[in-house]
């Protein structure tokens, strides 16, 4: 089960580092999907990408970025995906 609190999110020194980590996570996910990685590995990588995307958006918001209104709903969905058990993917 993926029930870790959001405090597990990685921390970064800058928004650029967070964005780079997100890009690397996306690349790893695409590579895993293309190589036929196990379902568990793909789910783990999906969780990492969601967490990194959430971290990037939080950094941007804290730095004064004026987010579009729909972003709050998207961030809330991301949080739920990270807090829900992994079996929701099945």
C-alpha atoms as a PDB file:
ATOM      1  CA  UNK A   1       0.000   0.000   0.000  1.00  0.00           C
ATOM      2  CA  UNK A   2       1.144   3.499  -0.777  1.00  0.00           C
ATOM      3  CA  UNK A   3       0.055   5.300   2.359  1.00  0.00           C
ATOM      4  CA  UNK A   4       3.099   7.464   3.009  1.00  0.00           C
ATOM      5  CA  UNK A   5       2.329  10.997   4.185  1.00  0.00           C
ATOM      6  CA  UNK A   6       3.276  13.830   1.837  1.00  0.00           C
ATOM      7  CA  UNK A   7       6.291  14.552   4.024  1.00  0.00           C
ATOM      8  CA  UNK A   8       8.096  11.817   2.032  1.00  0.00           C
ATOM      9  CA  UNK A   9       8.293  14.154  -0.962  1.00  0.00           C
ATOM     10  CA  UNK A  10      11.802  14.874  -2.091  1.00  0.00           C
ATOM     11  CA  UNK A  11      13.223  18.293  -1.361  1.00  0.00           C
ATOM     12  CA  UNK A  12      15.204  20.330  -3.859  1.00  0.00           C
ATOM     13  CA  UNK A  13      17.493  23.342  -3.652  1.00  0.00           C
ATOM     14  CA  UNK A  14      15.733  25.096  -6.529  1.00  0.00           C
ATOM     15  CA  UNK A  15      12.761  24.949  -8.823  1.00  0.00           C
ATOM     16  CA  UNK A  16      15.154  24.035 -11.624  1.00  0.00           C
ATOM     17  CA  UNK A  17      16.402  20.997  -9.690  1.00  0.00           C
ATOM     18  CA  UNK A  18      12.812  19.920  -9.007  1.00  0.00           C
ATOM     19  CA  UNK A  19      11.913  20.301 -12.681  1.00  0.00           C
ATOM     20  CA  UNK A  20      14.983  18.300 -13.698  1.00  0.00           C
ATOM     21  CA  UNK A  21      14.022  15.521 -11.269  1.00  0.00           C
ATOM     22  CA  UNK A  22      10.502  15.508 -12.737  1.00  0.00           C
ATOM     23  CA  UNK A  23      11.917  15.223 -16.251  1.00  0.00           C
ATOM     24  CA  UNK A  24      14.191  12.353 -15.191  1.00  0.00           C
ATOM     25  CA  UNK A  25      11.263  10.613 -13.535  1.00  0.00           C
ATOM     26  CA  UNK A  26       9.165  10.919 -16.686  1.00  0.00           C
ATOM     27  CA  UNK A  27      12.013   9.508 -18.765  1.00  0.00           C
ATOM     28  CA  UNK A  28      12.398   6.572 -16.370  1.00  0.00           C
ATOM     29  CA  UNK A  29       8.651   5.877 -16.516  1.00  0.00           C
ATOM     30  CA  UNK A  30       8.569   5.939 -20.324  1.00  0.00           C
ATOM     31  CA  UNK A  31      11.631   3.675 -20.471  1.00  0.00           C
ATOM     32  CA  UNK A  32      10.046   1.222 -18.028  1.00  0.00           C
ATOM     33  CA  UNK A  33       6.796   1.099 -19.975  1.00  0.00           C
ATOM     34  CA  UNK A  34       8.638   0.552 -23.259  1.00  0.00           C
ATOM     35  CA  UNK A  35      10.848  -2.178 -21.839  1.00  0.00           C
ATOM     36  CA  UNK A  36       7.951  -4.160 -20.414  1.00  0.00           C
ATOM     37  CA  UNK A  37       8.778  -3.534 -16.758  1.00  0.00           C
ATOM     38  CA  UNK A  38       6.576  -5.196 -14.169  1.00  0.00           C
ATOM     39  CA  UNK A  39       3.301  -3.606 -13.187  1.00  0.00           C
ATOM     40  CA  UNK A  40       4.674  -2.928  -9.713  1.00  0.00           C
ATOM     41  CA  UNK A  41       7.680  -1.076 -11.134  1.00  0.00           C
ATOM     42  CA  UNK A  42       5.494   1.032 -13.422  1.00  0.00           C
ATOM     43  CA  UNK A  43       3.191   1.907 -10.521  1.00  0.00           C
ATOM     44  CA  UNK A  44       6.177   2.853  -8.356  1.00  0.00           C
ATOM     45  CA  UNK A  45       7.512   5.112 -11.091  1.00  0.00           C
ATOM     46  CA  UNK A  46       4.058   6.652 -11.602  1.00  0.00           C
ATOM     47  CA  UNK A  47       3.958   7.481  -7.898  1.00  0.00           C
ATOM     48  CA  UNK A  48       7.380   9.113  -8.163  1.00  0.00           C
ATOM     49  CA  UNK A  49       6.353  11.202 -11.161  1.00  0.00           C
ATOM     50  CA  UNK A  50       3.181  12.361  -9.419  1.00  0.00           C
ATOM     51  CA  UNK A  51       5.130  13.261  -6.270  1.00  0.00           C
ATOM     52  CA  UNK A  52       7.746  15.158  -8.269  1.00  0.00           C
ATOM     53  CA  UNK A  53       5.084  17.000 -10.275  1.00  0.00           C
ATOM     54  CA  UNK A  54       3.380  17.977  -7.037  1.00  0.00           C
ATOM     55  CA  UNK A  55       6.686  19.199  -5.592  1.00  0.00           C
ATOM     56  CA  UNK A  56       7.372  21.353  -8.697  1.00  0.00           C
ATOM     57  CA  UNK A  57       3.947  22.973  -8.450  1.00  0.00           C
ATOM     58  CA  UNK A  58       4.294  23.610  -4.713  1.00  0.00           C
ATOM     59  CA  UNK A  59       7.685  25.263  -5.243  1.00  0.00           C
ATOM     60  CA  UNK A  60       6.213  27.442  -7.975  1.00  0.00           C
ATOM     61  CA  UNK A  61       3.255  28.442  -5.789  1.00  0.00           C
ATOM     62  CA  UNK A  62       5.491  29.267  -2.821  1.00  0.00           C
ATOM     63  CA  UNK A  63       7.668  31.466  -5.024  1.00  0.00           C
ATOM     64  CA  UNK A  64       4.681  33.620  -5.910  1.00  0.00           C
ATOM     65  CA  UNK A  65       3.535  32.009  -9.139  1.00  0.00           C
ATOM     66  CA  UNK A  66      -0.049  32.891  -9.974  1.00  0.00           C
ATOM     67  CA  UNK A  67      -1.518  29.508 -10.767  1.00  0.00           C
ATOM     68  CA  UNK A  68      -4.586  28.975 -12.931  1.00  0.00           C
ATOM     69  CA  UNK A  69      -7.731  28.188 -10.894  1.00  0.00           C
ATOM     70  CA  UNK A  70      -7.920  24.568 -12.043  1.00  0.00           C
ATOM     71  CA  UNK A  71      -4.466  23.859 -10.601  1.00  0.00           C
ATOM     72  CA  UNK A  72      -5.824  23.558  -7.047  1.00  0.00           C
ATOM     73  CA  UNK A  73      -8.096  20.714  -8.154  1.00  0.00           C
ATOM     74  CA  UNK A  74      -5.230  19.023  -9.996  1.00  0.00           C
ATOM     75  CA  UNK A  75      -2.954  19.277  -6.955  1.00  0.00           C
ATOM     76  CA  UNK A  76      -5.696  17.859  -4.740  1.00  0.00           C
ATOM     77  CA  UNK A  77      -6.048  14.876  -7.110  1.00  0.00           C
ATOM     78  CA  UNK A  78      -2.288  14.381  -7.077  1.00  0.00           C
ATOM     79  CA  UNK A  79      -2.293  14.342  -3.270  1.00  0.00           C
ATOM     80  CA  UNK A  80      -5.085  11.757  -3.261  1.00  0.00           C
ATOM     81  CA  UNK A  81      -3.202   9.576  -5.733  1.00  0.00           C
ATOM     82  CA  UNK A  82      -0.163   9.629  -3.467  1.00  0.00           C
ATOM     83  CA  UNK A  83      -2.130   8.902  -0.309  1.00  0.00           C
ATOM     84  CA  UNK A  84      -4.382   6.126  -1.672  1.00  0.00           C
ATOM     85  CA  UNK A  85      -3.405   2.470  -1.657  1.00  0.00           C
ATOM     86  CA  UNK A  86      -1.604   1.274  -4.764  1.00  0.00           C
ATOM     87  CA  UNK A  87      -4.371  -1.260  -5.412  1.00  0.00           C
ATOM     88  CA  UNK A  88      -6.510   1.567  -6.785  1.00  0.00           C
ATOM     89  CA  UNK A  89      -4.480   1.211  -9.974  1.00  0.00           C
ATOM     90  CA  UNK A  90      -5.836  -2.297 -10.524  1.00  0.00           C
END
